[in-house]
Structure formats: structure tokens, C-alpha cells
Amino acid sequence: MAKTQLNVRVDESTAEAARRRAQQRGVSVNRYIEELVQQDAGEAGRTFVEAAADFMKQYEAVFAEEFGTAERRAGPPAKGGGKRAKGKR
């Protein structure tokens, strides 16, 4: 993947902490910062999915009343009720 240069300003204690943590991990400061951002973005995605699941759980009855249940929307079962005839596999 192509890299883009990003310049940021931080106070000296933050810069030193970043250098120290990167060195402890055996990676460059660039790689350390990149990993932090990727981790943070992943957590935001998980937080969104968890919030969406909570919302759906909280309003499940409202959606079911308004739009019906999944079973009602699915329509009639397939011919033969989805069961196999005896002796056929």
C-alpha cells in the first residue's frame, strides 16, 4: 500500500513517550503511530456494531410490529416443505 506523509505536532513529553514505546516494541515511531491509529479505528468499528446491535435489540418489537417478522416476510416454504423425499439424497 502506498504511504502518505503526515506531519503532526505534539509536546516533547508525548514525542519522547512515542519514541520510547516504539523502541520497546522494536518498531519505528512511524509504525508505532500507524498501529495505534489502526487499533483505534478498529475499536470505533466495534463500538458502532455493538451500539447498532443494542439499538436493534431495544427496538426489535417496534420493527416486528411495523414490518413483520422474518418468517412472515420470507413467504411460503419451498415446494415439498423443504423436506427430502424418502430414499433421495
N, C-alpha and C. Protein backbone atom coordinates (compact mmCIF):
# COMPACT_ATOMS: atom_id res chain seq x y z
N MET A 1 0.84 -1.17 0.00
CA MET A 1 0.00 0.00 0.00
C MET A 1 0.89 1.24 0.00
N ALA A 2 0.50 2.24 -0.75
CA ALA A 2 1.27 3.48 -0.82
C ALA A 2 1.21 4.21 0.52
N LYS A 3 2.28 4.86 0.86
CA LYS A 3 2.36 5.61 2.11
C LYS A 3 2.20 7.09 1.83
N THR A 4 1.59 7.81 2.76
CA THR A 4 1.43 9.25 2.70
C THR A 4 2.11 9.85 3.90
N GLN A 5 2.82 10.92 3.68
CA GLN A 5 3.49 11.59 4.79
C GLN A 5 2.48 12.43 5.55
N LEU A 6 2.55 12.35 6.88
CA LEU A 6 1.65 13.09 7.76
C LEU A 6 2.50 13.74 8.83
N ASN A 7 2.43 15.05 8.92
CA ASN A 7 3.20 15.77 9.93
C ASN A 7 2.26 16.17 11.06
N VAL A 8 2.65 15.87 12.28
CA VAL A 8 1.84 16.24 13.44
C VAL A 8 2.72 16.95 14.46
N ARG A 9 2.10 17.79 15.27
CA ARG A 9 2.83 18.48 16.33
C ARG A 9 2.32 17.95 17.66
N VAL A 10 3.26 17.53 18.50
CA VAL A 10 2.93 17.06 19.85
C VAL A 10 3.95 17.68 20.80
N ASP A 11 3.60 17.70 22.08
CA ASP A 11 4.58 18.24 23.03
C ASP A 11 5.73 17.25 23.20
N GLU A 12 6.83 17.74 23.73
CA GLU A 12 8.05 16.93 23.80
C GLU A 12 7.86 15.65 24.62
N SER A 13 7.08 15.71 25.68
CA SER A 13 6.89 14.51 26.50
C SER A 13 6.12 13.43 25.73
N THR A 14 5.17 13.83 24.89
CA THR A 14 4.43 12.88 24.05
C THR A 14 5.35 12.27 23.00
N ALA A 15 6.18 13.11 22.39
CA ALA A 15 7.13 12.62 21.39
C ALA A 15 8.10 11.63 22.01
N GLU A 16 8.59 11.94 23.20
CA GLU A 16 9.54 11.04 23.87
C GLU A 16 8.86 9.73 24.25
N ALA A 17 7.62 9.81 24.70
CA ALA A 17 6.88 8.58 25.04
C ALA A 17 6.69 7.72 23.79
N ALA A 18 6.39 8.34 22.66
CA ALA A 18 6.22 7.59 21.41
C ALA A 18 7.53 6.93 21.00
N ARG A 19 8.63 7.66 21.11
CA ARG A 19 9.95 7.08 20.76
C ARG A 19 10.27 5.89 21.67
N ARG A 20 10.03 6.07 22.95
CA ARG A 20 10.34 5.04 23.94
C ARG A 20 9.50 3.78 23.70
N ARG A 21 8.17 3.96 23.51
CA ARG A 21 7.29 2.80 23.30
C ARG A 21 7.62 2.09 21.98
N ALA A 22 7.94 2.86 20.95
CA ALA A 22 8.30 2.25 19.67
C ALA A 22 9.56 1.42 19.83
N GLN A 23 10.54 1.97 20.53
CA GLN A 23 11.79 1.25 20.74
C GLN A 23 11.54 -0.03 21.56
N GLN A 24 10.71 0.05 22.58
CA GLN A 24 10.39 -1.13 23.39
C GLN A 24 9.73 -2.22 22.55
N ARG A 25 8.95 -1.82 21.59
CA ARG A 25 8.27 -2.77 20.72
C ARG A 25 9.13 -3.22 19.55
N GLY A 26 10.23 -2.53 19.34
CA GLY A 26 11.12 -2.89 18.24
C GLY A 26 10.62 -2.44 16.88
N VAL A 27 9.87 -1.33 16.87
CA VAL A 27 9.35 -0.80 15.61
C VAL A 27 9.71 0.68 15.51
N SER A 28 9.56 1.23 14.33
CA SER A 28 9.81 2.66 14.14
C SER A 28 8.68 3.45 14.78
N VAL A 29 8.94 4.72 15.02
CA VAL A 29 7.89 5.60 15.55
C VAL A 29 6.74 5.66 14.54
N ASN A 30 7.06 5.72 13.25
CA ASN A 30 6.01 5.73 12.22
C ASN A 30 5.11 4.50 12.35
N ARG A 31 5.74 3.34 12.45
CA ARG A 31 4.96 2.10 12.55
C ARG A 31 4.15 2.07 13.84
N TYR A 32 4.72 2.53 14.93
CA TYR A 32 4.03 2.56 16.21
C TYR A 32 2.77 3.43 16.11
N ILE A 33 2.91 4.62 15.56
CA ILE A 33 1.76 5.52 15.41
C ILE A 33 0.72 4.91 14.47
N GLU A 34 1.18 4.31 13.38
CA GLU A 34 0.27 3.68 12.43
C GLU A 34 -0.55 2.58 13.12
N GLU A 35 0.11 1.76 13.94
CA GLU A 35 -0.59 0.69 14.66
C GLU A 35 -1.60 1.26 15.65
N LEU A 36 -1.25 2.35 16.33
CA LEU A 36 -2.18 2.97 17.27
C LEU A 36 -3.45 3.45 16.57
N VAL A 37 -3.27 4.10 15.42
CA VAL A 37 -4.42 4.61 14.67
C VAL A 37 -5.28 3.45 14.16
N GLN A 38 -4.65 2.41 13.65
CA GLN A 38 -5.42 1.26 13.16
C GLN A 38 -6.18 0.61 14.30
N GLN A 39 -5.56 0.48 15.44
CA GLN A 39 -6.23 -0.10 16.60
C GLN A 39 -7.42 0.76 17.02
N ASP A 40 -7.22 2.07 17.07
CA ASP A 40 -8.30 2.98 17.44
C ASP A 40 -9.45 2.91 16.45
N ALA A 41 -9.15 2.84 15.17
CA ALA A 41 -10.19 2.76 14.14
C ALA A 41 -10.97 1.45 14.28
N GLY A 42 -10.28 0.36 14.60
CA GLY A 42 -10.94 -0.92 14.80
C GLY A 42 -11.87 -0.90 15.99
N GLU A 43 -11.45 -0.24 17.06
CA GLU A 43 -12.29 -0.13 18.25
C GLU A 43 -13.53 0.69 17.95
N ALA A 44 -13.39 1.74 17.15
CA ALA A 44 -14.54 2.56 16.77
C ALA A 44 -15.54 1.72 15.98
N GLY A 45 -15.03 0.87 15.09
CA GLY A 45 -15.92 0.00 14.32
C GLY A 45 -16.66 -0.98 15.20
N ARG A 46 -15.96 -1.56 16.15
CA ARG A 46 -16.61 -2.49 17.09
C ARG A 46 -17.64 -1.77 17.93
N THR A 47 -17.32 -0.56 18.37
CA THR A 47 -18.25 0.22 19.17
C THR A 47 -19.52 0.50 18.38
N PHE A 48 -19.38 0.84 17.10
CA PHE A 48 -20.54 1.10 16.25
C PHE A 48 -21.41 -0.15 16.13
N VAL A 49 -20.79 -1.29 15.86
CA VAL A 49 -21.55 -2.53 15.69
C VAL A 49 -22.26 -2.90 16.99
N GLU A 50 -21.59 -2.75 18.12
CA GLU A 50 -22.23 -3.04 19.40
C GLU A 50 -23.41 -2.11 19.66
N ALA A 51 -23.25 -0.83 19.34
CA ALA A 51 -24.35 0.13 19.52
C ALA A 51 -25.52 -0.21 18.60
N ALA A 52 -25.23 -0.60 17.36
CA ALA A 52 -26.29 -0.98 16.43
C ALA A 52 -27.03 -2.22 16.93
N ALA A 53 -26.30 -3.19 17.45
CA ALA A 53 -26.93 -4.40 17.98
C ALA A 53 -27.81 -4.07 19.18
N ASP A 54 -27.34 -3.19 20.06
CA ASP A 54 -28.14 -2.77 21.21
C ASP A 54 -29.41 -2.07 20.75
N PHE A 55 -29.28 -1.20 19.75
CA PHE A 55 -30.43 -0.49 19.21
C PHE A 55 -31.46 -1.48 18.66
N MET A 56 -31.00 -2.43 17.87
CA MET A 56 -31.91 -3.41 17.27
C MET A 56 -32.61 -4.24 18.35
N LYS A 57 -31.86 -4.61 19.37
CA LYS A 57 -32.45 -5.38 20.45
C LYS A 57 -33.51 -4.55 21.18
N GLN A 58 -33.20 -3.29 21.43
CA GLN A 58 -34.11 -2.41 22.16
C GLN A 58 -35.41 -2.17 21.38
N TYR A 59 -35.30 -2.04 20.05
CA TYR A 59 -36.46 -1.71 19.23
C TYR A 59 -36.97 -2.88 18.39
N GLU A 60 -36.57 -4.09 18.75
CA GLU A 60 -36.97 -5.28 17.98
C GLU A 60 -38.48 -5.40 17.85
N ALA A 61 -39.20 -5.18 18.95
CA ALA A 61 -40.65 -5.30 18.92
C ALA A 61 -41.27 -4.24 18.01
N VAL A 62 -40.73 -3.05 18.01
CA VAL A 62 -41.25 -1.98 17.16
C VAL A 62 -41.07 -2.35 15.69
N PHE A 63 -39.89 -2.85 15.33
CA PHE A 63 -39.64 -3.25 13.95
C PHE A 63 -40.53 -4.42 13.55
N ALA A 64 -40.70 -5.38 14.44
CA ALA A 64 -41.54 -6.53 14.14
C ALA A 64 -42.98 -6.10 13.91
N GLU A 65 -43.46 -5.18 14.73
CA GLU A 65 -44.83 -4.69 14.58
C GLU A 65 -44.99 -3.92 13.27
N GLU A 66 -44.01 -3.09 12.94
CA GLU A 66 -44.10 -2.26 11.74
C GLU A 66 -43.89 -3.05 10.45
N PHE A 67 -42.90 -3.93 10.45
CA PHE A 67 -42.50 -4.61 9.21
C PHE A 67 -42.78 -6.10 9.20
N GLY A 68 -43.23 -6.65 10.29
CA GLY A 68 -43.47 -8.08 10.37
C GLY A 68 -42.22 -8.83 10.74
N THR A 69 -42.36 -10.09 11.01
CA THR A 69 -41.22 -10.91 11.39
C THR A 69 -40.54 -11.45 10.15
N ALA A 70 -39.36 -11.96 10.32
CA ALA A 70 -38.60 -12.53 9.19
C ALA A 70 -39.36 -13.68 8.57
N GLU A 71 -40.06 -14.48 9.38
CA GLU A 71 -40.80 -15.62 8.86
C GLU A 71 -41.93 -15.17 7.95
N ARG A 72 -42.63 -14.10 8.33
CA ARG A 72 -43.73 -13.61 7.51
C ARG A 72 -43.23 -13.02 6.21
N ARG A 73 -42.08 -12.36 6.22
CA ARG A 73 -41.54 -11.76 5.00
C ARG A 73 -40.96 -12.81 4.06
N ALA A 74 -40.56 -13.95 4.57
CA ALA A 74 -39.88 -14.96 3.76
C ALA A 74 -40.80 -15.59 2.73
N GLY A 75 -42.11 -15.53 2.95
CA GLY A 75 -43.03 -16.12 2.00
C GLY A 75 -43.26 -17.59 2.32
N PRO A 76 -44.00 -18.26 1.45
CA PRO A 76 -44.34 -19.66 1.70
C PRO A 76 -43.11 -20.56 1.56
N PRO A 77 -43.13 -21.69 2.24
CA PRO A 77 -41.99 -22.61 2.13
C PRO A 77 -41.89 -23.16 0.71
N ALA A 78 -40.73 -23.64 0.38
CA ALA A 78 -40.48 -24.22 -0.94
C ALA A 78 -41.38 -25.43 -1.13
N LYS A 79 -41.63 -25.78 -2.39
CA LYS A 79 -42.46 -26.93 -2.72
C LYS A 79 -41.95 -28.16 -1.98
N GLY A 80 -42.85 -28.87 -1.34
CA GLY A 80 -42.45 -30.05 -0.58
C GLY A 80 -42.06 -29.71 0.84
N GLY A 81 -42.21 -28.43 1.22
CA GLY A 81 -41.94 -28.03 2.59
C GLY A 81 -40.47 -28.09 2.95
N GLY A 82 -39.59 -28.20 1.97
CA GLY A 82 -38.17 -28.22 2.24
C GLY A 82 -37.66 -29.57 2.71
N LYS A 83 -38.54 -30.58 2.76
CA LYS A 83 -38.13 -31.90 3.21
C LYS A 83 -37.78 -32.76 2.00
N ARG A 84 -36.85 -33.65 2.19
CA ARG A 84 -36.44 -34.55 1.11
C ARG A 84 -37.39 -35.75 1.04
N ALA A 85 -37.58 -36.21 -0.15
CA ALA A 85 -38.37 -37.42 -0.33
C ALA A 85 -37.58 -38.61 0.20
N LYS A 86 -38.29 -39.60 0.70
CA LYS A 86 -37.61 -40.79 1.22
C LYS A 86 -36.79 -41.45 0.13
N GLY A 87 -35.60 -41.85 0.53
CA GLY A 87 -34.73 -42.59 -0.38
C GLY A 87 -33.90 -41.70 -1.29
N LYS A 88 -34.14 -40.40 -1.30
CA LYS A 88 -33.34 -39.49 -2.14
C LYS A 88 -32.40 -38.70 -1.27
N ARG A 89 -31.19 -38.51 -1.79
CA ARG A 89 -30.18 -37.74 -1.05
C ARG A 89 -29.54 -36.75 -1.95
